[in-house]
Amino acid sequence: MRIISLNANGIRAAVNKGLATWWEASDSDILCIQESRLQDKDWLQAAFPAHWVECFPAEKKGYAGTAVVAKIPPNQVKMGMGHPSSDAEGRVMTLTYPGLVLVNAYFPSGASSPSRQLAKLDFLSAMTRHLQDLLKQHARVMRVGDINICHKDIDIHHPQRMRGKPGCTNVEREFLSALHEAGWRDAFRLFEPGKGQYTWWSAMARSKPKNLGWR
């Protein structure tokens, strides 16, 4: 099974730029989308007419949200994780397949205000409980998504400059370290362990051509 995770930054715009064609060419089985900003499941189905689709929209229109496109429908889909504030923003979908549970998650950024950073830390606690509960019931669990955290200095181009700021605080990094100690692994770093390997670049200041990225 091949799974792709993508922050679409608005799925309508991404589809207009060729997302559906790109995904078909990727030969993957499941596309997990974060920051879908989509309320209309029918629109998503029309964009991917040959496949199973589901979306978990935020209550606030045009904000956050997650979605999944799959060639094979899951046996079960759970929206949210019993965490009211993040569930209202459509941040977590859990899909059950034979032999695999897949968690598609869009973690809060926390950068916009101190209150949002506190909300992010609360989300991390809820996510830890959610993953622990899943592992009690299932042998194989995979979490994908946009986590908005740099685990180690190698995961950001200017670690000293960002240290202590949202996404690079000790508490957030310790969340990922605790997952690692519990047996979770970052698949990207298993294949790309070297410096200068990132999965996100800011749209400002020509960050991608300069490779000024984040993991």
C-alpha atoms as a PDB file:
ATOM      1  CA  MET A   1       0.000   0.000   0.000  1.00  0.00           C
ATOM      2  CA  ARG A   2       1.375   3.400  -1.008  1.00  0.00           C
ATOM      3  CA  ILE A   3       0.205   6.465   0.940  1.00  0.00           C
ATOM      4  CA  ILE A   4       0.820  10.135   0.170  1.00  0.00           C
ATOM      5  CA  SER A   5       0.358  12.912   2.736  1.00  0.00           C
ATOM      6  CA  LEU A   6      -0.047  16.494   1.532  1.00  0.00           C
ATOM      7  CA  ASN A   7      -0.844  19.875   3.025  1.00  0.00           C
ATOM      8  CA  ALA A   8      -2.908  21.212   0.141  1.00  0.00           C
ATOM      9  CA  ASN A   9      -3.213  24.775   1.473  1.00  0.00           C
ATOM     10  CA  GLY A  10      -6.743  24.756   0.044  1.00  0.00           C
ATOM     11  CA  ILE A  11      -7.785  21.732  -1.985  1.00  0.00           C
ATOM     12  CA  ARG A  12      -9.802  23.679  -4.547  1.00  0.00           C
ATOM     13  CA  ALA A  13      -6.729  25.648  -5.577  1.00  0.00           C
ATOM     14  CA  ALA A  14      -4.621  22.479  -5.545  1.00  0.00           C
ATOM     15  CA  VAL A  15      -7.039  20.663  -7.857  1.00  0.00           C
ATOM     16  CA  ASN A  16      -7.083  23.663 -10.179  1.00  0.00           C
ATOM     17  CA  LYS A  17      -3.286  23.357 -10.339  1.00  0.00           C
ATOM     18  CA  GLY A  18      -3.492  19.672 -11.312  1.00  0.00           C
ATOM     19  CA  LEU A  19      -3.604  17.751  -8.020  1.00  0.00           C
ATOM     20  CA  ALA A  20      -5.931  15.033  -9.344  1.00  0.00           C
ATOM     21  CA  THR A  21      -3.770  14.389 -12.408  1.00  0.00           C
ATOM     22  CA  TRP A  22      -0.610  14.397 -10.298  1.00  0.00           C
ATOM     23  CA  TRP A  23      -2.066  11.926  -7.822  1.00  0.00           C
ATOM     24  CA  GLU A  24      -3.201   9.536 -10.543  1.00  0.00           C
ATOM     25  CA  ALA A  25       0.320   9.594 -11.988  1.00  0.00           C
ATOM     26  CA  SER A  26       1.826   8.863  -8.558  1.00  0.00           C
ATOM     27  CA  ASP A  27       0.331   5.361  -8.554  1.00  0.00           C
ATOM     28  CA  SER A  28      -0.454   5.646  -4.847  1.00  0.00           C
ATOM     29  CA  ASP A  29      -3.425   4.057  -3.107  1.00  0.00           C
ATOM     30  CA  ILE A  30      -4.365   6.737  -0.575  1.00  0.00           C
ATOM     31  CA  LEU A  31      -4.036  10.521  -0.558  1.00  0.00           C
ATOM     32  CA  CYS A  32      -4.270  12.114   2.896  1.00  0.00           C
ATOM     33  CA  ILE A  33      -4.869  15.859   2.739  1.00  0.00           C
ATOM     34  CA  GLN A  34      -4.426  18.484   5.429  1.00  0.00           C
ATOM     35  CA  GLU A  35      -5.610  22.091   5.364  1.00  0.00           C
ATOM     36  CA  SER A  36      -8.271  21.104   2.853  1.00  0.00           C
ATOM     37  CA  ARG A  37     -10.434  24.163   3.602  1.00  0.00           C
ATOM     38  CA  LEU A  38     -13.376  22.324   2.083  1.00  0.00           C
ATOM     39  CA  GLN A  39     -16.956  21.981   3.291  1.00  0.00           C
ATOM     40  CA  ASP A  40     -18.382  20.192   0.245  1.00  0.00           C
ATOM     41  CA  LYS A  41     -17.765  16.447  -0.037  1.00  0.00           C
ATOM     42  CA  ASP A  42     -19.665  16.372  -3.333  1.00  0.00           C
ATOM     43  CA  TRP A  43     -17.116  18.781  -4.807  1.00  0.00           C
ATOM     44  CA  LEU A  44     -14.295  16.466  -3.727  1.00  0.00           C
ATOM     45  CA  GLN A  45     -16.065  13.466  -5.237  1.00  0.00           C
ATOM     46  CA  ALA A  46     -16.453  15.319  -8.531  1.00  0.00           C
ATOM     47  CA  ALA A  47     -12.734  16.117  -8.502  1.00  0.00           C
ATOM     48  CA  PHE A  48     -11.872  12.427  -7.968  1.00  0.00           C
ATOM     49  CA  PRO A  49     -14.878  10.673  -9.563  1.00  0.00           C
ATOM     50  CA  ALA A  50     -13.386   7.182  -9.745  1.00  0.00           C
ATOM     51  CA  HIS A  51     -12.363   6.980  -6.090  1.00  0.00           C
ATOM     52  CA  TRP A  52     -13.667   6.886  -2.540  1.00  0.00           C
ATOM     53  CA  VAL A  53     -13.485  10.264  -0.833  1.00  0.00           C
ATOM     54  CA  GLU A  54     -14.247  11.705   2.594  1.00  0.00           C
ATOM     55  CA  CYS A  55     -13.686  15.090   4.159  1.00  0.00           C
ATOM     56  CA  PHE A  56     -13.788  16.396   7.712  1.00  0.00           C
ATOM     57  CA  PRO A  57     -14.427  20.132   7.463  1.00  0.00           C
ATOM     58  CA  ALA A  58     -13.851  22.759  10.101  1.00  0.00           C
ATOM     59  CA  GLU A  59     -16.915  24.533  11.405  1.00  0.00           C
ATOM     60  CA  LYS A  60     -15.310  27.769  10.232  1.00  0.00           C
ATOM     61  CA  LYS A  61     -15.611  27.972   6.461  1.00  0.00           C
ATOM     62  CA  GLY A  62     -12.357  28.106   4.508  1.00  0.00           C
ATOM     63  CA  TYR A  63     -10.215  27.022   7.459  1.00  0.00           C
ATOM     64  CA  ALA A  64      -8.178  23.928   8.403  1.00  0.00           C
ATOM     65  CA  GLY A  65      -9.914  20.598   7.741  1.00  0.00           C
ATOM     66  CA  THR A  66      -8.713  17.209   6.513  1.00  0.00           C
ATOM     67  CA  ALA A  67      -9.708  14.931   3.653  1.00  0.00           C
ATOM     68  CA  VAL A  68      -8.851  11.535   2.174  1.00  0.00           C
ATOM     69  CA  VAL A  69      -9.008  10.143  -1.362  1.00  0.00           C
ATOM     70  CA  ALA A  70      -8.551   6.381  -1.712  1.00  0.00           C
ATOM     71  CA  LYS A  71      -8.705   3.704  -4.367  1.00  0.00           C
ATOM     72  CA  ILE A  72      -9.936   1.216  -1.768  1.00  0.00           C
ATOM     73  CA  PRO A  73     -12.565   2.315   0.778  1.00  0.00           C
ATOM     74  CA  PRO A  74     -11.670   1.792   4.452  1.00  0.00           C
ATOM     75  CA  ASN A  75     -13.750  -0.454   6.653  1.00  0.00           C
ATOM     76  CA  GLN A  76     -14.378   2.402   9.063  1.00  0.00           C
ATOM     77  CA  VAL A  77     -13.786   6.147   9.335  1.00  0.00           C
ATOM     78  CA  LYS A  78     -13.781   8.119  12.576  1.00  0.00           C
ATOM     79  CA  MET A  79     -13.937  11.896  12.501  1.00  0.00           C
ATOM     80  CA  GLY A  80     -12.079  13.567  15.348  1.00  0.00           C
ATOM     81  CA  MET A  81     -10.598  12.088  18.506  1.00  0.00           C
ATOM     82  CA  GLY A  82     -13.015  13.256  21.181  1.00  0.00           C
ATOM     83  CA  HIS A  83     -11.176  16.554  21.567  1.00  0.00           C
ATOM     84  CA  PRO A  84     -13.804  19.284  21.064  1.00  0.00           C
ATOM     85  CA  SER A  85     -11.620  22.221  20.028  1.00  0.00           C
ATOM     86  CA  SER A  86      -9.620  20.362  17.387  1.00  0.00           C
ATOM     87  CA  ASP A  87     -12.629  18.329  16.263  1.00  0.00           C
ATOM     88  CA  ALA A  88     -14.388  21.633  15.528  1.00  0.00           C
ATOM     89  CA  GLU A  89     -11.497  22.418  13.178  1.00  0.00           C
ATOM     90  CA  GLY A  90     -11.623  19.057  11.374  1.00  0.00           C
ATOM     91  CA  ARG A  91      -8.074  18.135  12.289  1.00  0.00           C
ATOM     92  CA  VAL A  92      -8.037  14.349  12.709  1.00  0.00           C
ATOM     93  CA  MET A  93      -9.449  11.479  10.652  1.00  0.00           C
ATOM     94  CA  THR A  94      -8.832   7.835  11.593  1.00  0.00           C
ATOM     95  CA  LEU A  95      -9.326   5.187   8.914  1.00  0.00           C
ATOM     96  CA  THR A  96      -9.397   1.452   9.585  1.00  0.00           C
ATOM     97  CA  TYR A  97      -8.180  -0.945   6.899  1.00  0.00           C
ATOM     98  CA  PRO A  98      -7.531  -4.679   7.200  1.00  0.00           C
ATOM     99  CA  GLY A  99      -4.252  -4.884   9.086  1.00  0.00           C
ATOM    100  CA  LEU A 100      -3.722  -1.123   9.331  1.00  0.00           C
ATOM    101  CA  VAL A 101      -5.147   1.923  11.086  1.00  0.00           C
ATOM    102  CA  LEU A 102      -4.291   5.222   9.391  1.00  0.00           C
ATOM    103  CA  VAL A 103      -4.449   8.556  11.227  1.00  0.00           C
ATOM    104  CA  ASN A 104      -4.562  11.671   9.038  1.00  0.00           C
ATOM    105  CA  ALA A 105      -3.798  14.682  11.237  1.00  0.00           C
ATOM    106  CA  TYR A 106      -3.377  18.415  10.769  1.00  0.00           C
ATOM    107  CA  PHE A 107      -1.680  19.707  13.916  1.00  0.00           C
ATOM    108  CA  PRO A 108      -2.319  23.334  14.938  1.00  0.00           C
ATOM    109  CA  SER A 109       0.510  25.749  14.220  1.00  0.00           C
ATOM    110  CA  GLY A 110       0.464  27.748  17.456  1.00  0.00           C
ATOM    111  CA  ALA A 111       2.356  30.611  15.845  1.00  0.00           C
ATOM    112  CA  SER A 112      -0.496  33.108  15.622  1.00  0.00           C
ATOM    113  CA  SER A 113      -0.876  33.800  19.366  1.00  0.00           C
ATOM    114  CA  PRO A 114       0.012  32.494  22.848  1.00  0.00           C
ATOM    115  CA  SER A 115      -3.518  31.127  23.233  1.00  0.00           C
ATOM    116  CA  ARG A 116      -3.155  29.123  20.017  1.00  0.00           C
ATOM    117  CA  GLN A 117       0.143  27.722  21.252  1.00  0.00           C
ATOM    118  CA  LEU A 118      -1.561  26.567  24.451  1.00  0.00           C
ATOM    119  CA  ALA A 119      -4.280  24.988  22.320  1.00  0.00           C
ATOM    120  CA  LYS A 120      -1.587  23.202  20.342  1.00  0.00           C
ATOM    121  CA  LEU A 121      -0.036  21.752  23.491  1.00  0.00           C
ATOM    122  CA  ASP A 122      -3.461  20.529  24.582  1.00  0.00           C
ATOM    123  CA  PHE A 123      -3.858  18.949  21.140  1.00  0.00           C
ATOM    124  CA  LEU A 124      -0.546  17.103  21.573  1.00  0.00           C
ATOM    125  CA  SER A 125      -1.773  15.566  24.823  1.00  0.00           C
ATOM    126  CA  ALA A 126      -5.005  14.493  23.155  1.00  0.00           C
ATOM    127  CA  MET A 127      -3.098  13.023  20.204  1.00  0.00           C
ATOM    128  CA  THR A 128      -0.874  11.020  22.539  1.00  0.00           C
ATOM    129  CA  ARG A 129      -3.951   9.510  24.189  1.00  0.00           C
ATOM    130  CA  HIS A 130      -5.547   8.820  20.809  1.00  0.00           C
ATOM    131  CA  LEU A 131      -2.507   6.968  19.500  1.00  0.00           C
ATOM    132  CA  GLN A 132      -2.088   5.008  22.731  1.00  0.00           C
ATOM    133  CA  ASP A 133      -5.735   3.930  22.597  1.00  0.00           C
ATOM    134  CA  LEU A 134      -5.356   2.788  18.986  1.00  0.00           C
ATOM    135  CA  LEU A 135      -2.268   0.725  19.794  1.00  0.00           C
ATOM    136  CA  LYS A 136      -4.182  -1.083  22.521  1.00  0.00           C
ATOM    137  CA  GLN A 137      -6.615  -2.329  19.869  1.00  0.00           C
ATOM    138  CA  HIS A 138      -4.520  -2.614  16.699  1.00  0.00           C
ATOM    139  CA  ALA A 139      -1.086  -4.021  15.884  1.00  0.00           C
ATOM    140  CA  ARG A 140      -0.258  -1.591  13.098  1.00  0.00           C
ATOM    141  CA  VAL A 141      -0.984   2.137  13.303  1.00  0.00           C
ATOM    142  CA  MET A 142       0.385   4.808  10.966  1.00  0.00           C
ATOM    143  CA  ARG A 143       0.103   8.544  11.574  1.00  0.00           C
ATOM    144  CA  VAL A 144       0.548  10.914   8.659  1.00  0.00           C
ATOM    145  CA  GLY A 145      -0.021  14.622   8.298  1.00  0.00           C
ATOM    146  CA  ASP A 146       1.270  18.107   8.869  1.00  0.00           C
ATOM    147  CA  ILE A 147       2.528  18.206  12.445  1.00  0.00           C
ATOM    148  CA  ASN A 148       3.997  21.725  12.543  1.00  0.00           C
ATOM    149  CA  ILE A 149       6.907  20.621  14.753  1.00  0.00           C
ATOM    150  CA  CYS A 150      10.644  20.359  14.104  1.00  0.00           C
ATOM    151  CA  HIS A 151      11.841  17.390  16.115  1.00  0.00           C
ATOM    152  CA  LYS A 152      15.592  17.988  15.851  1.00  0.00           C
ATOM    153  CA  ASP A 153      17.944  20.693  14.640  1.00  0.00           C
ATOM    154  CA  ILE A 154      18.394  18.796  11.381  1.00  0.00           C
ATOM    155  CA  ASP A 155      14.701  19.368  10.671  1.00  0.00           C
ATOM    156  CA  ILE A 156      14.980  23.117  10.078  1.00  0.00           C
ATOM    157  CA  HIS A 157      17.393  25.322   8.162  1.00  0.00           C
ATOM    158  CA  HIS A 158      18.070  27.821  11.001  1.00  0.00           C
ATOM    159  CA  PRO A 159      17.649  25.862  14.272  1.00  0.00           C
ATOM    160  CA  GLN A 160      19.249  28.471  16.533  1.00  0.00           C
ATOM    161  CA  ARG A 161      17.029  31.230  15.197  1.00  0.00           C
ATOM    162  CA  MET A 162      13.831  29.224  15.723  1.00  0.00           C
ATOM    163  CA  ARG A 163      14.628  27.520  19.019  1.00  0.00           C
ATOM    164  CA  GLY A 164      11.954  28.217  21.617  1.00  0.00           C
ATOM    165  CA  LYS A 165       9.437  29.516  19.093  1.00  0.00           C
ATOM    166  CA  PRO A 166       6.197  27.680  18.203  1.00  0.00           C
ATOM    167  CA  GLY A 167       7.109  24.524  16.351  1.00  0.00           C
ATOM    168  CA  CYS A 168      10.546  24.364  17.995  1.00  0.00           C
ATOM    169  CA  THR A 169       9.796  24.517  21.720  1.00  0.00           C
ATOM    170  CA  ASN A 170      11.144  21.884  24.093  1.00  0.00           C
ATOM    171  CA  VAL A 171       7.641  20.664  24.935  1.00  0.00           C
ATOM    172  CA  GLU A 172       6.784  20.063  21.293  1.00  0.00           C
ATOM    173  CA  ARG A 173      10.067  18.339  20.571  1.00  0.00           C
ATOM    174  CA  GLU A 174       9.627  16.159  23.655  1.00  0.00           C
ATOM    175  CA  PHE A 175       6.244  15.059  22.287  1.00  0.00           C
ATOM    176  CA  LEU A 176       7.980  13.614  19.213  1.00  0.00           C
ATOM    177  CA  SER A 177      10.825  12.179  21.285  1.00  0.00           C
ATOM    178  CA  ALA A 178       8.289  10.360  23.466  1.00  0.00           C
ATOM    179  CA  LEU A 179       6.669   8.870  20.367  1.00  0.00           C
ATOM    180  CA  HIS A 180      10.071   7.731  19.124  1.00  0.00           C
ATOM    181  CA  GLU A 181      10.839   6.110  22.472  1.00  0.00           C
ATOM    182  CA  ALA A 182       7.474   4.341  22.289  1.00  0.00           C
ATOM    183  CA  GLY A 183       8.445   2.792  18.950  1.00  0.00           C
ATOM    184  CA  TRP A 184       7.095   5.273  16.401  1.00  0.00           C
ATOM    185  CA  ARG A 185       9.368   6.151  13.479  1.00  0.00           C
ATOM    186  CA  ASP A 186       9.576   9.055  11.039  1.00  0.00           C
ATOM    187  CA  ALA A 187       9.449   7.274   7.673  1.00  0.00           C
ATOM    188  CA  PHE A 188      10.914  10.291   5.883  1.00  0.00           C
ATOM    189  CA  ARG A 189      14.023  10.289   8.051  1.00  0.00           C
ATOM    190  CA  LEU A 190      14.469   6.541   7.595  1.00  0.00           C
ATOM    191  CA  PHE A 191      15.007   7.215   3.890  1.00  0.00           C
ATOM    192  CA  GLU A 192      16.413  10.770   4.069  1.00  0.00           C
ATOM    193  CA  PRO A 193      18.626  10.967   7.174  1.00  0.00           C
ATOM    194  CA  GLY A 194      20.962  13.694   5.921  1.00  0.00           C
ATOM    195  CA  LYS A 195      21.012  17.446   6.365  1.00  0.00           C
ATOM    196  CA  GLY A 196      19.180  19.718   3.948  1.00  0.00           C
ATOM    197  CA  GLN A 197      16.292  17.292   3.400  1.00  0.00           C
ATOM    198  CA  TYR A 198      12.934  18.990   4.037  1.00  0.00           C
ATOM    199  CA  THR A 199       9.240  18.602   3.230  1.00  0.00           C
ATOM    200  CA  TRP A 200       8.023  22.216   3.589  1.00  0.00           C
ATOM    201  CA  TRP A 201       9.246  25.604   2.420  1.00  0.00           C
ATOM    202  CA  SER A 202       7.700  28.996   3.107  1.00  0.00           C
ATOM    203  CA  ALA A 203       6.206  30.758   0.103  1.00  0.00           C
ATOM    204  CA  MET A 204       8.014  33.920   1.178  1.00  0.00           C
ATOM    205  CA  ALA A 205      11.573  35.012   0.361  1.00  0.00           C
ATOM    206  CA  ARG A 206      12.154  32.340  -2.313  1.00  0.00           C
ATOM    207  CA  SER A 207      12.634  29.738   0.396  1.00  0.00           C
ATOM    208  CA  LYS A 208      12.359  26.667  -1.832  1.00  0.00           C
ATOM    209  CA  PRO A 209      15.019  27.643  -4.425  1.00  0.00           C
ATOM    210  CA  LYS A 210      17.315  28.439  -1.495  1.00  0.00           C
ATOM    211  CA  ASN A 211      16.280  25.206   0.276  1.00  0.00           C
ATOM    212  CA  LEU A 212      15.380  27.077   3.460  1.00  0.00           C
ATOM    213  CA  GLY A 213      12.943  24.463   4.649  1.00  0.00           C
ATOM    214  CA  TRP A 214      11.406  22.576   7.541  1.00  0.00           C
ATOM    215  CA  ARG A 215      10.857  18.891   8.009  1.00  0.00           C
END
